[in-house]
Amino acid sequence: MPDGVPSMISDVELSRRGFVVTSLAAGYALSVQPVSGQTITTDTKGLEAGEVKIPVSDGTIPGYRAMPDSGGPFPTVLVVQEIFGVHEHIKDLCRRLAKAGYFAVAPELYARQGDVSKIEDFREIISKVVSKVPDSQVMSDLDAAVAWAKETGKANTEKLAATGFCWGGRIIWLYAAHNPNLKAGAAWYGRLASPPDELHPKNPVDIVGTLKAPVLGLYGAADQGIPVADVERMRGLLKNVNSPSEIALYPDTPHGFNADYRPSYRKTEAEDAWKRMLAWFKKYGVA
C-alpha cells in the first residue's frame, strides 16, 4: 500500500485471506478412503471434545481439543498430525489421550497452505501443500497452541508432552529441540533424514545435540520410507551425546502401524507402543 493511501482492508479480512483452512474436515481424508474395518472409534463419554480456534501470530487456526469433562487442570499433550492433516484419526487419538487424563490438542498446521483432506492423490498432498509448510511456522504454531491451552485454565502446561505421527513424528524431534519447556516427546515413524531445503533446513539427525526433552522414537523395521539404517544412525547419535531419548524398533512392522483405519495397522505393535508412550510421559512427569 503506497504511503498516504488509507487501507480499506481490515486486519480480520487479511487474516481470512491468509488461511485456506478455517475449520477442520469431517471424517477421514479422501486419500485414505475407504477406511479399514479395524478402525477404532473412541466415544466422548466423560469428555469435553470438539473443534477449537487457536490464535497464532498472524491470525487463527482451527484445532481439535479433548479433555476430561470435570476436574483439571490436566497435564497437556500436543498432538501433531499425520501428513493427512487433523482428520478423524487424529481427533480420535486426542480422545484416547483425554480418556487417559490429558488435555490433548491438535492444531491444524497446514491451515495457511491448503486443505489436504480434499486431495485424493497422495503425491499432490506433498507437492501442493506439505512441501510448502515451513518448519519455523510449525514451531510457532505449536507454541501458540500451548499458550492457548494455558489460557483455557484447564491445561497444566507445566506438564507438557508432545506426540506426532508420520509427518508429525519428524516434527516432534524438531520441537523437542525448540521448546525448553517440553518435558517429553513421542515420535511415531517420523523421518529422520531427508534432503534439506529452505523451508526445512534441518533434520532430526542434525539436532540431536540440542534436544531439550527426551524423545521416545517408535519405528517399524519394515517401513519403506524410513530405512533401518537411518534409525540405527539416530540411535548412535543419541548415544554419542548421552541423550535419555530412546528408540523402539518393531520387527517386520510397516510405516503407519498405529493408523488403525489403514491396512498398515498392526494391533499388537500399536498397543505396545501406546503403552510405552504413556509410560514415557509418566516417567518424565507428564501425568
Protein backbone atom coordinates (compact mmCIF):
# COMPACT_ATOMS: atom_id res chain seq x y z
CA MET A 1 0.00 0.00 0.00
CA PRO A 2 1.54 3.38 -1.02
CA ASP A 3 2.25 5.93 1.71
CA GLY A 4 -0.70 8.19 2.41
CA VAL A 5 -3.29 5.80 0.94
CA PRO A 6 -5.63 4.55 3.67
CA SER A 7 -6.16 0.79 3.82
CA MET A 8 -9.72 -0.30 3.26
CA ILE A 9 -8.95 -3.90 4.22
CA SER A 10 -9.34 -4.83 7.88
CA ASP A 11 -6.87 -7.00 9.77
CA VAL A 12 -9.57 -9.64 10.10
CA GLU A 13 -10.04 -9.75 6.33
CA LEU A 14 -6.30 -10.07 5.80
CA SER A 15 -6.22 -12.93 8.27
CA ARG A 16 -9.04 -14.72 6.50
CA ARG A 17 -7.29 -14.32 3.16
CA GLY A 18 -4.11 -15.81 4.57
CA PHE A 19 -5.70 -19.01 5.86
CA VAL A 20 -7.02 -21.63 3.48
CA VAL A 21 -8.33 -23.91 6.23
CA THR A 22 -10.64 -22.19 8.70
CA SER A 23 -12.41 -25.29 10.05
CA LEU A 24 -11.48 -28.94 10.37
CA ALA A 25 -12.55 -31.61 7.93
CA ALA A 26 -15.26 -34.06 8.95
CA GLY A 27 -14.42 -37.74 8.81
CA TYR A 28 -11.33 -39.13 7.11
CA ALA A 29 -9.19 -37.57 4.39
CA LEU A 30 -10.21 -38.54 0.86
CA SER A 31 -6.80 -40.02 0.10
CA VAL A 32 -7.22 -42.73 2.76
CA GLN A 33 -10.69 -43.92 1.74
CA PRO A 34 -12.12 -46.47 2.19
CA VAL A 35 -11.24 -46.84 5.85
CA SER A 36 -10.42 -50.23 7.32
CA GLY A 37 -12.82 -52.45 9.23
CA GLN A 38 -10.32 -52.33 12.12
CA THR A 39 -10.88 -48.60 12.61
CA ILE A 40 -11.10 -47.60 16.26
CA THR A 41 -13.68 -45.04 17.34
CA THR A 42 -13.33 -43.54 20.80
CA ASP A 43 -16.52 -42.07 22.27
CA THR A 44 -16.80 -38.77 24.12
CA LYS A 45 -18.36 -40.17 27.28
CA GLY A 46 -16.75 -38.40 30.23
CA LEU A 47 -15.01 -35.97 27.89
CA GLU A 48 -15.30 -32.46 26.60
CA ALA A 49 -14.18 -32.67 22.98
CA GLY A 50 -14.53 -30.73 19.77
CA GLU A 51 -13.13 -28.15 17.40
CA VAL A 52 -11.47 -25.02 18.78
CA LYS A 53 -9.93 -21.85 17.35
CA ILE A 54 -6.30 -21.17 18.25
CA PRO A 55 -4.83 -17.66 17.92
CA VAL A 56 -1.45 -17.70 16.15
CA SER A 57 1.00 -14.97 15.14
CA ASP A 58 -0.91 -13.93 12.02
CA GLY A 59 -4.50 -14.96 12.66
CA THR A 60 -6.38 -18.04 13.85
CA ILE A 61 -6.12 -21.72 13.00
CA PRO A 62 -8.58 -24.49 13.79
CA GLY A 63 -7.71 -27.36 16.06
CA TYR A 64 -9.23 -30.27 17.93
CA ARG A 65 -9.23 -30.45 21.72
CA ALA A 66 -10.27 -33.25 24.06
CA MET A 67 -10.09 -33.42 27.85
CA PRO A 68 -11.94 -34.97 30.81
CA ASP A 69 -15.25 -33.18 31.39
CA SER A 70 -14.56 -32.49 35.06
CA GLY A 71 -11.59 -31.56 37.19
CA GLY A 72 -8.34 -30.15 35.96
CA PRO A 73 -6.11 -28.50 35.09
CA PHE A 74 -4.81 -31.56 33.25
CA PRO A 75 -1.33 -32.46 32.00
CA THR A 76 -1.07 -31.33 28.40
CA VAL A 77 -0.21 -33.20 25.21
CA LEU A 78 0.29 -31.58 21.83
CA VAL A 79 -0.81 -33.97 19.09
CA VAL A 80 0.92 -33.36 15.76
CA GLN A 81 -0.95 -34.53 12.68
CA GLU A 82 -0.04 -37.09 10.08
CA ILE A 83 0.54 -35.98 6.50
CA PHE A 84 -3.27 -36.12 6.09
CA GLY A 85 -3.94 -33.23 8.48
CA VAL A 86 -6.25 -33.18 11.50
CA HIS A 87 -8.78 -35.67 10.19
CA GLU A 88 -10.81 -38.20 12.18
CA HIS A 89 -7.89 -40.44 13.20
CA ILE A 90 -6.03 -37.56 14.83
CA LYS A 91 -9.21 -36.44 16.59
CA ASP A 92 -9.67 -39.97 17.90
CA LEU A 93 -6.11 -40.03 19.24
CA CYS A 94 -6.88 -36.82 21.14
CA ARG A 95 -9.92 -38.52 22.67
CA ARG A 96 -7.83 -41.55 23.66
CA LEU A 97 -5.37 -39.26 25.43
CA ALA A 98 -8.25 -37.44 27.14
CA LYS A 99 -9.56 -40.80 28.39
CA ALA A 100 -6.11 -41.24 29.95
CA GLY A 101 -6.49 -37.94 31.80
CA TYR A 102 -4.81 -35.49 29.44
CA PHE A 103 -5.72 -32.19 27.86
CA ALA A 104 -4.92 -33.06 24.25
CA VAL A 105 -4.87 -30.52 21.44
CA ALA A 106 -4.12 -30.98 17.74
CA PRO A 107 -3.72 -27.69 15.81
CA GLU A 108 -4.23 -27.79 12.03
CA LEU A 109 -0.69 -26.98 10.95
CA TYR A 110 -1.40 -26.74 7.20
CA ALA A 111 -4.07 -24.06 7.66
CA ARG A 112 -2.27 -21.46 5.54
CA GLN A 113 -1.06 -23.79 2.80
CA GLY A 114 -4.08 -25.93 1.95
CA ASP A 115 -6.78 -28.43 2.83
CA VAL A 116 -5.26 -31.87 2.29
CA SER A 117 -8.45 -33.63 3.35
CA LYS A 118 -9.98 -32.92 -0.07
CA ILE A 119 -6.99 -34.15 -2.13
CA GLU A 120 -7.25 -37.74 -3.36
CA ASP A 121 -3.73 -38.16 -4.74
CA PHE A 122 -1.08 -38.65 -2.07
CA ARG A 123 1.60 -37.13 -4.30
CA GLU A 124 -0.44 -33.94 -4.66
CA ILE A 125 -0.72 -33.66 -0.89
CA ILE A 126 3.05 -33.47 -0.72
CA SER A 127 3.70 -31.29 -3.75
CA LYS A 128 0.85 -28.80 -3.34
CA VAL A 129 0.69 -28.45 0.44
CA VAL A 130 3.12 -30.28 2.71
CA SER A 131 6.30 -29.23 0.90
CA LYS A 132 5.25 -25.59 1.36
CA VAL A 133 4.81 -25.70 5.16
CA PRO A 134 7.88 -24.10 6.82
CA ASP A 135 9.30 -25.76 9.91
CA SER A 136 9.57 -22.34 11.54
CA GLN A 137 5.82 -21.79 11.07
CA VAL A 138 5.07 -25.16 12.65
CA MET A 139 7.24 -24.43 15.70
CA SER A 140 5.49 -21.08 16.16
CA ASP A 141 2.01 -22.57 15.80
CA LEU A 142 2.77 -25.31 18.33
CA ASP A 143 3.99 -22.66 20.78
CA ALA A 144 0.75 -20.77 20.16
CA ALA A 145 -1.28 -23.91 20.86
CA VAL A 146 0.48 -24.28 24.21
CA ALA A 147 -0.21 -20.63 25.07
CA TRP A 148 -3.87 -21.04 24.09
CA ALA A 149 -4.17 -24.22 26.17
CA LYS A 150 -2.78 -22.45 29.21
CA GLU A 151 -5.27 -19.60 28.77
CA THR A 152 -8.20 -22.02 28.97
CA GLY A 153 -7.38 -22.68 32.61
CA LYS A 154 -7.91 -26.40 32.01
CA ALA A 155 -4.40 -27.29 30.81
CA ASN A 156 -1.40 -27.61 33.09
CA THR A 157 1.29 -26.62 30.60
CA GLU A 158 3.97 -27.04 33.24
CA LYS A 159 3.41 -30.71 32.46
CA LEU A 160 3.80 -30.62 28.69
CA ALA A 161 4.36 -33.52 26.30
CA ALA A 162 4.03 -33.84 22.54
CA THR A 163 3.38 -36.74 20.23
CA GLY A 164 3.25 -36.88 16.44
CA PHE A 165 2.65 -39.38 13.68
CA CYS A 166 4.24 -39.75 10.23
CA TRP A 167 4.86 -36.11 9.15
CA GLY A 168 4.26 -35.20 12.79
CA GLY A 169 6.81 -37.72 14.02
CA ARG A 170 9.59 -35.72 12.40
CA ILE A 171 8.16 -32.55 13.90
CA ILE A 172 8.33 -33.98 17.42
CA TRP A 173 12.11 -34.34 17.21
CA LEU A 174 12.40 -30.75 15.99
CA TYR A 175 10.04 -29.41 18.63
CA ALA A 176 11.99 -31.17 21.37
CA ALA A 177 14.99 -29.12 20.26
CA HIS A 178 12.90 -25.95 20.02
CA ASN A 179 10.87 -25.71 23.23
CA PRO A 180 12.80 -25.78 26.53
CA ASN A 181 9.53 -26.23 28.43
CA LEU A 182 8.69 -29.55 26.81
CA LYS A 183 9.05 -32.42 29.28
CA ALA A 184 8.77 -35.42 26.92
CA GLY A 185 8.05 -36.35 23.31
CA ALA A 186 6.92 -39.45 21.42
CA ALA A 187 7.71 -39.59 17.70
CA TRP A 188 5.83 -42.22 15.72
CA TYR A 189 7.57 -43.20 12.45
CA GLY A 190 8.80 -39.72 11.62
CA ARG A 191 11.51 -39.24 9.02
CA LEU A 192 14.97 -38.79 10.46
CA ALA A 193 16.97 -37.72 7.41
CA SER A 194 15.84 -36.07 4.17
CA PRO A 195 17.43 -33.64 1.70
CA PRO A 196 17.17 -30.21 3.37
CA ASP A 197 15.68 -27.14 1.69
CA GLU A 198 14.98 -23.52 2.57
CA LEU A 199 11.73 -24.26 4.43
CA HIS A 200 13.05 -27.44 6.07
CA PRO A 201 16.72 -26.69 6.80
CA LYS A 202 17.36 -29.36 9.44
CA ASN A 203 16.53 -32.99 10.05
CA PRO A 204 16.22 -34.85 13.36
CA VAL A 205 19.73 -36.28 12.83
CA ASP A 206 21.02 -32.69 12.77
CA ILE A 207 19.57 -31.57 16.12
CA VAL A 208 20.41 -34.48 18.42
CA GLY A 209 22.84 -32.39 20.44
CA THR A 210 20.26 -29.66 21.10
CA LEU A 211 17.32 -31.78 22.27
CA LYS A 212 15.78 -30.16 25.34
CA ALA A 213 13.42 -33.02 26.17
CA PRO A 214 13.74 -36.81 25.96
CA VAL A 215 12.02 -38.32 22.92
CA LEU A 216 10.73 -41.85 22.52
CA GLY A 217 11.01 -42.85 18.87
CA LEU A 218 8.57 -45.54 17.69
CA TYR A 219 9.57 -47.12 14.38
CA GLY A 220 8.88 -50.15 12.19
CA ALA A 221 11.74 -52.17 10.69
CA ALA A 222 9.68 -52.78 7.52
CA ASP A 223 8.99 -49.07 6.92
CA GLN A 224 9.54 -48.48 3.20
CA GLY A 225 10.15 -44.75 3.70
CA ILE A 226 12.44 -44.77 6.73
CA PRO A 227 15.41 -47.13 6.31
CA VAL A 228 16.56 -49.10 9.34
CA ALA A 229 19.98 -47.58 8.66
CA ASP A 230 18.54 -44.14 9.44
CA VAL A 231 17.03 -45.42 12.68
CA GLU A 232 20.30 -47.02 13.75
CA ARG A 233 22.19 -43.86 12.82
CA MET A 234 19.84 -41.84 15.04
CA ARG A 235 20.33 -44.31 17.88
CA GLY A 236 24.08 -43.95 17.57
CA LEU A 237 23.92 -40.16 17.56
CA LEU A 238 21.72 -40.16 20.67
CA LYS A 239 24.15 -42.47 22.42
CA ASN A 240 27.10 -40.28 21.49
CA VAL A 241 25.61 -37.28 23.32
CA ASN A 242 24.34 -39.38 26.27
CA SER A 243 20.76 -38.44 25.47
CA PRO A 244 17.99 -40.04 27.57
CA SER A 245 15.98 -40.39 24.37
CA GLU A 246 15.24 -43.93 23.20
CA ILE A 247 14.09 -45.65 20.03
CA ALA A 248 11.89 -48.75 19.83
CA LEU A 249 12.17 -50.59 16.51
CA TYR A 250 9.45 -53.16 15.87
CA PRO A 251 10.47 -56.11 13.63
CA ASP A 252 8.51 -56.76 10.43
CA THR A 253 6.37 -53.68 11.08
CA PRO A 254 5.44 -51.13 8.38
CA HIS A 255 5.06 -47.39 8.36
CA GLY A 256 1.78 -46.19 9.87
CA PHE A 257 1.42 -49.17 12.19
CA ASN A 258 -0.75 -47.14 14.58
CA ALA A 259 -3.09 -45.98 11.80
CA ASP A 260 -5.99 -48.34 12.59
CA TYR A 261 -8.05 -47.01 9.68
CA ARG A 262 -5.47 -48.25 7.13
CA PRO A 263 -4.14 -51.67 6.07
CA SER A 264 -0.78 -50.78 7.64
CA TYR A 265 -2.25 -51.12 11.15
CA ARG A 266 -0.57 -53.65 13.41
CA LYS A 267 -2.66 -54.09 16.55
CA THR A 268 -0.07 -55.75 18.79
CA GLU A 269 2.70 -53.27 18.00
CA ALA A 270 0.36 -50.28 18.13
CA GLU A 271 -0.96 -51.20 21.55
CA ASP A 272 2.52 -51.85 22.88
CA ALA A 273 3.79 -48.53 21.53
CA TRP A 274 0.84 -46.64 23.03
CA LYS A 275 1.57 -48.14 26.45
CA ARG A 276 5.24 -47.24 26.07
CA MET A 277 4.31 -43.68 25.20
CA LEU A 278 2.06 -43.23 28.25
CA ALA A 279 4.74 -44.75 30.50
CA TRP A 280 7.33 -42.40 28.91
CA PHE A 281 5.20 -39.37 29.65
CA LYS A 282 4.67 -40.52 33.23
CA LYS A 283 8.40 -41.20 33.68
CA TYR A 284 9.16 -37.59 32.81
CA GLY A 285 6.44 -36.05 34.94
CA VAL A 286 3.64 -35.59 32.43
CA ALA A 287 0.83 -37.45 34.19
